[in-house]
Amino acid sequence: MPAFSQGIIARNLFNKVSLVPTACLGPCQAGANVLVFPGAHLYMNVQPEDVDQIIDQHLVGGEVVTEKLAPEQVWG
């Protein structure tokens, strides 16, 4: 997703965050998925407007964006 690349570039997070494109991680029907390690937090149906919050709140701030997390029955 280009929005993640742009967000990482804008925040100069090259040495802290790696973006790795993958094939389907499982719940592909749920839209774009983003898997964050450490912790294996899977965000589902990620839209471009969600990217800034995920980067700022989770990747930078260390706090999970709970409203975008995959439910336990999908990713548990």
N, C-alpha and C. Protein backbone atom coordinates (compact mmCIF):
# COMPACT_ATOMS: atom_id res chain seq x y z
N MET A 1 0.85 -1.17 0.00
CA MET A 1 0.00 0.00 0.00
C MET A 1 0.90 1.24 0.00
N PRO A 2 0.81 2.04 -1.03
CA PRO A 2 1.66 3.23 -1.13
C PRO A 2 1.54 4.18 0.06
N ALA A 3 0.37 4.23 0.68
CA ALA A 3 0.20 5.14 1.82
C ALA A 3 1.16 4.80 2.96
N PHE A 4 1.42 3.51 3.18
CA PHE A 4 2.38 3.14 4.22
C PHE A 4 3.79 3.58 3.85
N SER A 5 4.18 3.36 2.63
CA SER A 5 5.51 3.81 2.19
C SER A 5 5.66 5.31 2.37
N GLN A 6 4.65 6.04 1.95
CA GLN A 6 4.69 7.50 2.08
C GLN A 6 4.75 7.93 3.54
N GLY A 7 3.98 7.25 4.40
CA GLY A 7 3.99 7.58 5.83
C GLY A 7 5.32 7.29 6.49
N ILE A 8 5.94 6.19 6.11
CA ILE A 8 7.25 5.83 6.66
C ILE A 8 8.30 6.84 6.20
N ILE A 9 8.25 7.21 4.94
CA ILE A 9 9.18 8.21 4.41
C ILE A 9 8.98 9.55 5.10
N ALA A 10 7.73 9.98 5.23
CA ALA A 10 7.43 11.29 5.83
C ALA A 10 7.91 11.39 7.28
N ARG A 11 7.92 10.24 7.99
CA ARG A 11 8.32 10.24 9.40
C ARG A 11 9.76 9.81 9.60
N ASN A 12 10.46 9.56 8.51
CA ASN A 12 11.87 9.14 8.56
C ASN A 12 12.07 7.92 9.47
N LEU A 13 11.25 6.91 9.24
CA LEU A 13 11.29 5.70 10.07
C LEU A 13 12.03 4.54 9.41
N PHE A 14 12.88 4.82 8.44
CA PHE A 14 13.57 3.77 7.69
C PHE A 14 14.32 2.80 8.57
N ASN A 15 14.94 3.27 9.62
CA ASN A 15 15.75 2.41 10.49
C ASN A 15 14.94 1.68 11.55
N LYS A 16 13.64 1.95 11.63
CA LYS A 16 12.80 1.35 12.66
C LYS A 16 11.70 0.46 12.10
N VAL A 17 11.31 0.68 10.86
CA VAL A 17 10.17 -0.03 10.28
C VAL A 17 10.57 -0.60 8.92
N SER A 18 10.22 -1.86 8.70
CA SER A 18 10.41 -2.49 7.40
C SER A 18 9.06 -2.86 6.82
N LEU A 19 8.85 -2.49 5.59
CA LEU A 19 7.63 -2.88 4.88
C LEU A 19 7.96 -4.09 4.02
N VAL A 20 7.17 -5.16 4.17
CA VAL A 20 7.41 -6.37 3.42
C VAL A 20 6.11 -6.79 2.75
N PRO A 21 6.03 -6.65 1.43
CA PRO A 21 4.82 -7.10 0.74
C PRO A 21 4.71 -8.63 0.82
N THR A 22 3.50 -9.12 0.97
CA THR A 22 3.28 -10.56 1.04
C THR A 22 2.11 -10.95 0.16
N ALA A 23 1.96 -12.24 0.00
CA ALA A 23 0.74 -12.75 -0.61
C ALA A 23 -0.33 -12.76 0.48
N CYS A 24 -1.41 -13.42 0.24
CA CYS A 24 -2.51 -13.47 1.20
C CYS A 24 -2.06 -14.04 2.54
N LEU A 25 -2.45 -13.39 3.62
CA LEU A 25 -2.12 -13.84 4.97
C LEU A 25 -3.24 -14.67 5.59
N GLY A 26 -4.31 -14.86 4.87
CA GLY A 26 -5.44 -15.64 5.38
C GLY A 26 -6.77 -14.98 5.11
N PRO A 27 -7.09 -13.90 5.80
CA PRO A 27 -8.41 -13.27 5.60
C PRO A 27 -8.40 -12.27 4.45
N CYS A 28 -8.03 -12.72 3.26
CA CYS A 28 -7.90 -11.81 2.12
C CYS A 28 -9.21 -11.16 1.72
N GLN A 29 -10.32 -11.83 1.97
CA GLN A 29 -11.63 -11.27 1.63
C GLN A 29 -11.95 -10.03 2.46
N ALA A 30 -11.18 -9.78 3.52
CA ALA A 30 -11.45 -8.65 4.41
C ALA A 30 -10.70 -7.39 3.99
N GLY A 31 -10.30 -7.31 2.76
CA GLY A 31 -9.62 -6.11 2.29
C GLY A 31 -8.14 -6.15 2.60
N ALA A 32 -7.49 -5.02 2.51
CA ALA A 32 -6.05 -4.96 2.76
C ALA A 32 -5.77 -5.31 4.21
N ASN A 33 -4.80 -6.20 4.42
CA ASN A 33 -4.39 -6.61 5.77
C ASN A 33 -2.99 -6.10 6.03
N VAL A 34 -2.73 -5.74 7.27
CA VAL A 34 -1.40 -5.29 7.70
C VAL A 34 -1.05 -6.07 8.94
N LEU A 35 0.08 -6.76 8.91
CA LEU A 35 0.56 -7.54 10.04
C LEU A 35 1.75 -6.84 10.65
N VAL A 36 1.67 -6.54 11.95
CA VAL A 36 2.72 -5.79 12.64
C VAL A 36 3.42 -6.72 13.63
N PHE A 37 4.73 -6.79 13.50
CA PHE A 37 5.59 -7.51 14.45
C PHE A 37 6.48 -6.50 15.14
N PRO A 38 6.87 -6.70 16.38
CA PRO A 38 6.53 -7.84 17.22
C PRO A 38 5.09 -7.78 17.69
N GLY A 39 4.58 -8.91 18.07
CA GLY A 39 3.23 -9.02 18.60
C GLY A 39 2.24 -9.69 17.68
N ALA A 40 2.54 -9.75 16.38
CA ALA A 40 1.66 -10.38 15.40
C ALA A 40 0.24 -9.81 15.46
N HIS A 41 0.14 -8.50 15.43
CA HIS A 41 -1.16 -7.82 15.40
C HIS A 41 -1.59 -7.69 13.94
N LEU A 42 -2.76 -8.23 13.62
CA LEU A 42 -3.26 -8.17 12.26
C LEU A 42 -4.37 -7.13 12.18
N TYR A 43 -4.15 -6.14 11.33
CA TYR A 43 -5.18 -5.15 11.05
C TYR A 43 -5.88 -5.55 9.75
N MET A 44 -7.22 -5.50 9.77
CA MET A 44 -8.01 -5.91 8.62
C MET A 44 -8.72 -4.73 7.99
N ASN A 45 -9.01 -4.88 6.71
CA ASN A 45 -9.75 -3.88 5.96
C ASN A 45 -9.14 -2.49 6.13
N VAL A 46 -7.83 -2.44 6.03
CA VAL A 46 -7.11 -1.18 6.21
C VAL A 46 -7.30 -0.31 4.96
N GLN A 47 -7.74 0.89 5.19
CA GLN A 47 -7.96 1.88 4.14
C GLN A 47 -6.86 2.94 4.21
N PRO A 48 -6.61 3.64 3.12
CA PRO A 48 -5.57 4.68 3.16
C PRO A 48 -5.75 5.67 4.31
N GLU A 49 -6.99 5.97 4.67
CA GLU A 49 -7.21 6.93 5.76
C GLU A 49 -6.87 6.35 7.14
N ASP A 50 -6.62 5.03 7.24
CA ASP A 50 -6.24 4.40 8.50
C ASP A 50 -4.73 4.40 8.74
N VAL A 51 -3.98 4.64 7.69
CA VAL A 51 -2.53 4.47 7.75
C VAL A 51 -1.87 5.40 8.76
N ASP A 52 -2.20 6.68 8.75
CA ASP A 52 -1.56 7.60 9.69
C ASP A 52 -1.78 7.18 11.14
N GLN A 53 -2.98 6.74 11.46
CA GLN A 53 -3.27 6.32 12.83
C GLN A 53 -2.46 5.07 13.19
N ILE A 54 -2.38 4.11 12.29
CA ILE A 54 -1.62 2.88 12.58
C ILE A 54 -0.15 3.22 12.75
N ILE A 55 0.39 4.06 11.89
CA ILE A 55 1.81 4.43 12.03
C ILE A 55 2.04 5.19 13.32
N ASP A 56 1.27 6.26 13.55
CA ASP A 56 1.52 7.11 14.71
C ASP A 56 1.20 6.42 16.03
N GLN A 57 0.06 5.77 16.09
CA GLN A 57 -0.38 5.17 17.35
C GLN A 57 0.34 3.86 17.66
N HIS A 58 0.50 2.99 16.65
CA HIS A 58 1.08 1.68 16.92
C HIS A 58 2.58 1.64 16.65
N LEU A 59 3.00 1.97 15.44
CA LEU A 59 4.41 1.83 15.11
C LEU A 59 5.29 2.81 15.88
N VAL A 60 4.83 4.02 16.06
CA VAL A 60 5.62 5.02 16.80
C VAL A 60 5.28 4.99 18.28
N GLY A 61 3.98 4.97 18.61
CA GLY A 61 3.55 5.08 20.00
C GLY A 61 3.46 3.77 20.77
N GLY A 62 3.46 2.64 20.06
CA GLY A 62 3.41 1.35 20.75
C GLY A 62 2.04 0.93 21.24
N GLU A 63 0.99 1.65 20.83
CA GLU A 63 -0.37 1.35 21.28
C GLU A 63 -1.19 0.81 20.10
N VAL A 64 -1.76 -0.37 20.29
CA VAL A 64 -2.52 -1.05 19.24
C VAL A 64 -3.78 -0.24 18.89
N VAL A 65 -4.11 -0.21 17.62
CA VAL A 65 -5.34 0.43 17.14
C VAL A 65 -6.43 -0.64 17.18
N THR A 66 -7.10 -0.76 18.30
CA THR A 66 -8.00 -1.89 18.54
C THR A 66 -9.17 -1.96 17.57
N GLU A 67 -9.67 -0.83 17.11
CA GLU A 67 -10.84 -0.86 16.24
C GLU A 67 -10.54 -1.44 14.85
N LYS A 68 -9.29 -1.59 14.49
CA LYS A 68 -8.93 -2.16 13.19
C LYS A 68 -8.38 -3.59 13.30
N LEU A 69 -8.25 -4.11 14.52
CA LEU A 69 -7.69 -5.46 14.70
C LEU A 69 -8.63 -6.53 14.16
N ALA A 70 -8.04 -7.58 13.63
CA ALA A 70 -8.82 -8.74 13.20
C ALA A 70 -9.39 -9.42 14.45
N PRO A 71 -10.62 -9.89 14.38
CA PRO A 71 -11.20 -10.58 15.54
C PRO A 71 -10.49 -11.92 15.80
N GLU A 72 -10.62 -12.40 17.03
CA GLU A 72 -9.96 -13.64 17.45
C GLU A 72 -10.27 -14.82 16.52
N GLN A 73 -11.53 -14.94 16.05
CA GLN A 73 -11.89 -16.08 15.21
C GLN A 73 -11.20 -16.03 13.85
N VAL A 74 -10.69 -14.86 13.46
CA VAL A 74 -9.97 -14.73 12.19
C VAL A 74 -8.47 -14.87 12.41
N TRP A 75 -7.98 -14.27 13.47
CA TRP A 75 -6.53 -14.22 13.72
C TRP A 75 -6.32 -14.35 15.22
N GLY A 76 -6.14 -15.55 15.69
CA GLY A 76 -6.02 -15.73 17.12
C GLY A 76 -4.99 -16.61 17.55
